[in-house]
PDB file of all heavy atoms in Angstrom:
ATOM      1  N   ALA A   1      14.126  15.884   0.650  1.00  0.00           N
ATOM      2  CA  ALA A   1      13.019  16.260  -0.224  1.00  0.00           C
ATOM      3  C   ALA A   1      11.797  15.409   0.089  1.00  0.00           C
ATOM      4  O   ALA A   1      11.924  14.228   0.414  1.00  0.00           O
ATOM      5  CB  ALA A   1      13.422  16.074  -1.692  1.00  0.00           C
ATOM      6  N   PRO A   2      10.621  15.984   0.008  1.00  0.00           N
ATOM      7  CA  PRO A   2       9.416  15.203   0.289  1.00  0.00           C
ATOM      8  C   PRO A   2       9.230  14.092  -0.746  1.00  0.00           C
ATOM      9  O   PRO A   2       9.582  14.238  -1.914  1.00  0.00           O
ATOM     10  CB  PRO A   2       8.285  16.227   0.208  1.00  0.00           C
ATOM     11  CG  PRO A   2       8.866  17.412  -0.482  1.00  0.00           C
ATOM     12  CD  PRO A   2      10.337  17.358  -0.319  1.00  0.00           C
ATOM     13  N   VAL A   3       8.704  12.973  -0.289  1.00  0.00           N
ATOM     14  CA  VAL A   3       8.477  11.817  -1.157  1.00  0.00           C
ATOM     15  C   VAL A   3       7.222  12.078  -1.986  1.00  0.00           C
ATOM     16  O   VAL A   3       6.224  12.570  -1.478  1.00  0.00           O
ATOM     17  CB  VAL A   3       8.291  10.543  -0.290  1.00  0.00           C
ATOM     18  CG1 VAL A   3       8.005   9.344  -1.143  1.00  0.00           C
ATOM     19  CG2 VAL A   3       9.519  10.323   0.564  1.00  0.00           C
ATOM     20  N   GLU A   4       7.297  11.761  -3.259  1.00  0.00           N
ATOM     21  CA  GLU A   4       6.133  11.910  -4.137  1.00  0.00           C
ATOM     22  C   GLU A   4       5.002  11.009  -3.668  1.00  0.00           C
ATOM     23  O   GLU A   4       5.236   9.944  -3.097  1.00  0.00           O
ATOM     24  CB  GLU A   4       6.507  11.565  -5.593  1.00  0.00           C
ATOM     25  CG  GLU A   4       7.472  12.533  -6.218  1.00  0.00           C
ATOM     26  CD  GLU A   4       6.866  13.905  -6.415  1.00  0.00           C
ATOM     27  OE1 GLU A   4       5.679  14.019  -6.738  1.00  0.00           O
ATOM     28  OE2 GLU A   4       7.602  14.885  -6.213  1.00  0.00           O
ATOM     29  N   ALA A   5       3.783  11.373  -3.936  1.00  0.00           N
ATOM     30  CA  ALA A   5       2.610  10.626  -3.476  1.00  0.00           C
ATOM     31  C   ALA A   5       2.611   9.187  -4.011  1.00  0.00           C
ATOM     32  O   ALA A   5       2.305   8.252  -3.274  1.00  0.00           O
ATOM     33  CB  ALA A   5       1.336  11.344  -3.891  1.00  0.00           C
ATOM     34  N   ASP A   6       2.966   8.984  -5.302  1.00  0.00           N
ATOM     35  CA  ASP A   6       2.970   7.636  -5.876  1.00  0.00           C
ATOM     36  C   ASP A   6       4.016   6.763  -5.200  1.00  0.00           C
ATOM     37  O   ASP A   6       3.778   5.592  -4.923  1.00  0.00           O
ATOM     38  CB  ASP A   6       3.253   7.683  -7.388  1.00  0.00           C
ATOM     39  CG  ASP A   6       2.123   8.373  -8.146  1.00  0.00           C
ATOM     40  OD1 ASP A   6       1.002   8.432  -7.590  1.00  0.00           O
ATOM     41  OD2 ASP A   6       2.372   8.839  -9.268  1.00  0.00           O
ATOM     42  N   GLU A   7       5.192   7.336  -4.923  1.00  0.00           N
ATOM     43  CA  GLU A   7       6.252   6.590  -4.266  1.00  0.00           C
ATOM     44  C   GLU A   7       5.854   6.230  -2.840  1.00  0.00           C
ATOM     45  O   GLU A   7       6.124   5.138  -2.365  1.00  0.00           O
ATOM     46  CB  GLU A   7       7.538   7.416  -4.224  1.00  0.00           C
ATOM     47  CG  GLU A   7       8.161   7.668  -5.576  1.00  0.00           C
ATOM     48  CD  GLU A   7       9.344   8.620  -5.466  1.00  0.00           C
ATOM     49  OE1 GLU A   7       9.927   8.731  -4.361  1.00  0.00           O
ATOM     50  OE2 GLU A   7       9.677   9.245  -6.478  1.00  0.00           O
ATOM     51  N   ALA A   8       5.189   7.133  -2.160  1.00  0.00           N
ATOM     52  CA  ALA A   8       4.783   6.897  -0.775  1.00  0.00           C
ATOM     53  C   ALA A   8       3.787   5.744  -0.694  1.00  0.00           C
ATOM     54  O   ALA A   8       3.842   4.935   0.226  1.00  0.00           O
ATOM     55  CB  ALA A   8       4.191   8.163  -0.177  1.00  0.00           C
ATOM     56  N   GLU A   9       2.881   5.662  -1.638  1.00  0.00           N
ATOM     57  CA  GLU A   9       1.889   4.581  -1.616  1.00  0.00           C
ATOM     58  C   GLU A   9       2.554   3.232  -1.869  1.00  0.00           C
ATOM     59  O   GLU A   9       2.157   2.232  -1.304  1.00  0.00           O
ATOM     60  CB  GLU A   9       0.811   4.835  -2.672  1.00  0.00           C
ATOM     61  CG  GLU A   9      -0.115   5.974  -2.288  1.00  0.00           C
ATOM     62  CD  GLU A   9      -1.137   6.264  -3.363  1.00  0.00           C
ATOM     63  OE1 GLU A   9      -1.312   5.447  -4.278  1.00  0.00           O
ATOM     64  OE2 GLU A   9      -1.760   7.338  -3.288  1.00  0.00           O
ATOM     65  N   ASP A  10       3.574   3.190  -2.734  1.00  0.00           N
ATOM     66  CA  ASP A  10       4.269   1.942  -3.022  1.00  0.00           C
ATOM     67  C   ASP A  10       5.030   1.442  -1.802  1.00  0.00           C
ATOM     68  O   ASP A  10       5.141   0.241  -1.596  1.00  0.00           O
ATOM     69  CB  ASP A  10       5.237   2.120  -4.191  1.00  0.00           C
ATOM     70  CG  ASP A  10       4.495   2.370  -5.504  1.00  0.00           C
ATOM     71  OD1 ASP A  10       3.282   2.094  -5.562  1.00  0.00           O
ATOM     72  OD2 ASP A  10       5.147   2.845  -6.446  1.00  0.00           O
ATOM     73  N   GLU A  11       5.569   2.339  -1.007  1.00  0.00           N
ATOM     74  CA  GLU A  11       6.391   1.950   0.133  1.00  0.00           C
ATOM     75  C   GLU A  11       5.558   1.506   1.326  1.00  0.00           C
ATOM     76  O   GLU A  11       5.986   0.671   2.102  1.00  0.00           O
ATOM     77  CB  GLU A  11       7.295   3.110   0.532  1.00  0.00           C
ATOM     78  CG  GLU A  11       8.351   3.423  -0.510  1.00  0.00           C
ATOM     79  CD  GLU A  11       9.177   4.646  -0.144  1.00  0.00           C
ATOM     80  OE1 GLU A  11       9.101   5.110   1.011  1.00  0.00           O
ATOM     81  OE2 GLU A  11       9.890   5.131  -1.026  1.00  0.00           O
ATOM     82  N   ARG A  12       4.388   2.062   1.514  1.00  0.00           N
ATOM     83  CA  ARG A  12       3.564   1.709   2.669  1.00  0.00           C
ATOM     84  C   ARG A  12       2.750   0.457   2.380  1.00  0.00           C
ATOM     85  O   ARG A  12       2.205   0.295   1.289  1.00  0.00           O
ATOM     86  CB  ARG A  12       2.577   2.832   2.983  1.00  0.00           C
ATOM     87  CG  ARG A  12       3.201   4.001   3.682  1.00  0.00           C
ATOM     88  CD  ARG A  12       2.181   4.974   4.157  1.00  0.00           C
ATOM     89  NE  ARG A  12       1.381   5.417   3.006  1.00  0.00           N
ATOM     90  CZ  ARG A  12       0.288   6.143   3.078  1.00  0.00           C
ATOM     91  NH1 ARG A  12      -0.163   6.518   4.230  1.00  0.00           N
ATOM     92  NH2 ARG A  12      -0.367   6.501   2.003  1.00  0.00           N
ATOM     93  N   PRO A  13       2.650  -0.432   3.382  1.00  0.00           N
ATOM     94  CA  PRO A  13       1.811  -1.616   3.169  1.00  0.00           C
ATOM     95  C   PRO A  13       0.338  -1.220   3.157  1.00  0.00           C
ATOM     96  O   PRO A  13      -0.090  -0.361   3.912  1.00  0.00           O
ATOM     97  CB  PRO A  13       2.143  -2.515   4.366  1.00  0.00           C
ATOM     98  CG  PRO A  13       2.738  -1.607   5.386  1.00  0.00           C
ATOM     99  CD  PRO A  13       3.320  -0.439   4.651  1.00  0.00           C
ATOM    100  N   ASN A  14      -0.402  -1.861   2.308  1.00  0.00           N
ATOM    101  CA  ASN A  14      -1.830  -1.596   2.202  1.00  0.00           C
ATOM    102  C   ASN A  14      -2.557  -2.461   3.238  1.00  0.00           C
ATOM    103  O   ASN A  14      -2.479  -3.697   3.190  1.00  0.00           O
ATOM    104  CB  ASN A  14      -2.300  -1.930   0.784  1.00  0.00           C
ATOM    105  CG  ASN A  14      -3.756  -1.576   0.570  1.00  0.00           C
ATOM    106  OD1 ASN A  14      -4.491  -1.324   1.510  1.00  0.00           O
ATOM    107  ND2 ASN A  14      -4.153  -1.563  -0.696  1.00  0.00           N
ATOM    108  N   PRO A  15      -3.288  -1.875   4.170  1.00  0.00           N
ATOM    109  CA  PRO A  15      -3.952  -2.667   5.200  1.00  0.00           C
ATOM    110  C   PRO A  15      -5.047  -3.563   4.620  1.00  0.00           C
ATOM    111  O   PRO A  15      -5.409  -4.571   5.219  1.00  0.00           O
ATOM    112  CB  PRO A  15      -4.527  -1.617   6.146  1.00  0.00           C
ATOM    113  CG  PRO A  15      -4.596  -0.367   5.373  1.00  0.00           C
ATOM    114  CD  PRO A  15      -3.514  -0.452   4.349  1.00  0.00           C
ATOM    115  N   PHE A  16      -5.562  -3.251   3.455  1.00  0.00           N
ATOM    116  CA  PHE A  16      -6.625  -4.063   2.866  1.00  0.00           C
ATOM    117  C   PHE A  16      -6.080  -5.207   2.017  1.00  0.00           C
ATOM    118  O   PHE A  16      -6.824  -6.078   1.583  1.00  0.00           O
ATOM    119  CB  PHE A  16      -7.561  -3.176   2.030  1.00  0.00           C
ATOM    120  CG  PHE A  16      -8.229  -2.129   2.870  1.00  0.00           C
ATOM    121  CD1 PHE A  16      -7.835  -0.800   2.792  1.00  0.00           C
ATOM    122  CD2 PHE A  16      -9.244  -2.475   3.753  1.00  0.00           C
ATOM    123  CE1 PHE A  16      -8.443   0.158   3.569  1.00  0.00           C
ATOM    124  CE2 PHE A  16      -9.851  -1.514   4.529  1.00  0.00           C
ATOM    125  CZ  PHE A  16      -9.450  -0.198   4.444  1.00  0.00           C
ATOM    126  N   ALA A  17      -4.764  -5.191   1.789  1.00  0.00           N
ATOM    127  CA  ALA A  17      -4.160  -6.266   0.989  1.00  0.00           C
ATOM    128  C   ALA A  17      -4.324  -7.610   1.682  1.00  0.00           C
ATOM    129  O   ALA A  17      -4.604  -8.634   1.027  1.00  0.00           O
ATOM    130  CB  ALA A  17      -2.686  -5.970   0.735  1.00  0.00           C
ATOM    131  N   VAL A  18      -4.187  -7.673   2.983  1.00  0.00           N
ATOM    132  CA  VAL A  18      -4.364  -8.916   3.738  1.00  0.00           C
ATOM    133  C   VAL A  18      -5.795  -9.407   3.597  1.00  0.00           C
ATOM    134  O   VAL A  18      -6.050 -10.593   3.374  1.00  0.00           O
ATOM    135  CB  VAL A  18      -3.985  -8.715   5.221  1.00  0.00           C
ATOM    136  CG1 VAL A  18      -4.289  -9.947   6.041  1.00  0.00           C
ATOM    137  CG2 VAL A  18      -2.521  -8.324   5.342  1.00  0.00           C
ATOM    138  N   LEU A  19      -6.742  -8.506   3.695  1.00  0.00           N
ATOM    139  CA  LEU A  19      -8.155  -8.890   3.555  1.00  0.00           C
ATOM    140  C   LEU A  19      -8.436  -9.412   2.143  1.00  0.00           C
ATOM    141  O   LEU A  19      -9.195 -10.364   1.963  1.00  0.00           O
ATOM    142  CB  LEU A  19      -9.066  -7.707   3.880  1.00  0.00           C
ATOM    143  CG  LEU A  19      -9.077  -7.246   5.336  1.00  0.00           C
ATOM    144  CD1 LEU A  19      -9.920  -5.989   5.478  1.00  0.00           C
ATOM    145  CD2 LEU A  19      -9.602  -8.342   6.233  1.00  0.00           C
ATOM    146  N   GLN A  20      -7.839  -8.776   1.151  1.00  0.00           N
ATOM    147  CA  GLN A  20      -8.037  -9.207  -0.236  1.00  0.00           C
ATOM    148  C   GLN A  20      -7.499 -10.622  -0.444  1.00  0.00           C
ATOM    149  O   GLN A  20      -8.133 -11.440  -1.114  1.00  0.00           O
ATOM    150  CB  GLN A  20      -7.349  -8.238  -1.212  1.00  0.00           C
ATOM    151  CG  GLN A  20      -7.613  -8.534  -2.657  1.00  0.00           C
ATOM    152  CD  GLN A  20      -9.086  -8.403  -3.029  1.00  0.00           C
ATOM    153  OE1 GLN A  20      -9.766  -7.475  -2.584  1.00  0.00           O
ATOM    154  NE2 GLN A  20      -9.590  -9.335  -3.811  1.00  0.00           N
ATOM    155  N   LYS A  21      -6.345 -10.938   0.160  1.00  0.00           N
ATOM    156  CA  LYS A  21      -5.783 -12.291   0.061  1.00  0.00           C
ATOM    157  C   LYS A  21      -6.726 -13.315   0.683  1.00  0.00           C
ATOM    158  O   LYS A  21      -6.943 -14.393   0.139  1.00  0.00           O
ATOM    159  CB  LYS A  21      -4.415 -12.367   0.748  1.00  0.00           C
ATOM    160  CG  LYS A  21      -3.305 -11.715  -0.021  1.00  0.00           C
ATOM    161  CD  LYS A  21      -1.999 -11.873   0.723  1.00  0.00           C
ATOM    162  CE  LYS A  21      -0.876 -11.139   0.023  1.00  0.00           C
ATOM    163  NZ  LYS A  21       0.378 -11.253   0.742  1.00  0.00           N
ATOM    164  N   LEU A  22      -7.279 -12.978   1.855  1.00  0.00           N
ATOM    165  CA  LEU A  22      -8.231 -13.905   2.515  1.00  0.00           C
ATOM    166  C   LEU A  22      -9.472 -14.106   1.655  1.00  0.00           C
ATOM    167  O   LEU A  22      -9.996 -15.211   1.543  1.00  0.00           O
ATOM    168  CB  LEU A  22      -8.616 -13.362   3.901  1.00  0.00           C
ATOM    169  CG  LEU A  22      -7.523 -13.395   4.965  1.00  0.00           C
ATOM    170  CD1 LEU A  22      -8.000 -12.720   6.229  1.00  0.00           C
ATOM    171  CD2 LEU A  22      -7.112 -14.834   5.254  1.00  0.00           C
ATOM    172  N   LYS A  23      -9.939 -13.030   1.055  1.00  0.00           N
ATOM    173  CA  LYS A  23     -11.143 -13.123   0.210  1.00  0.00           C
ATOM    174  C   LYS A  23     -10.875 -13.984  -1.018  1.00  0.00           C
ATOM    175  O   LYS A  23     -11.696 -14.798  -1.435  1.00  0.00           O
ATOM    176  CB  LYS A  23     -11.587 -11.731  -0.206  1.00  0.00           C
ATOM    177  CG  LYS A  23     -12.875 -11.718  -0.979  1.00  0.00           C
ATOM    178  CD  LYS A  23     -13.288 -10.308  -1.300  1.00  0.00           C
ATOM    179  CE  LYS A  23     -14.548 -10.341  -2.125  1.00  0.00           C
ATOM    180  NZ  LYS A  23     -14.957  -9.038  -2.558  1.00  0.00           N
ATOM    181  N   ASP A  24      -9.669 -13.802  -1.628  1.00  0.00           N
ATOM    182  CA  ASP A  24      -9.304 -14.584  -2.810  1.00  0.00           C
ATOM    183  C   ASP A  24      -9.146 -16.068  -2.468  1.00  0.00           C
ATOM    184  O   ASP A  24      -9.425 -16.923  -3.300  1.00  0.00           O
ATOM    185  CB  ASP A  24      -7.997 -14.055  -3.430  1.00  0.00           C
ATOM    186  CG  ASP A  24      -8.177 -12.683  -4.038  1.00  0.00           C
ATOM    187  OD1 ASP A  24      -9.327 -12.259  -4.273  1.00  0.00           O
ATOM    188  OD2 ASP A  24      -7.136 -11.994  -4.274  1.00  0.00           O
TER     189      ASP A  24
END
């Protein structure tokens, strides 16, 4: 069955998360 959109976003790493950590 196809993965729901919300579940798919939780499983994939966010490429901007690393940048946000550096900024913080």
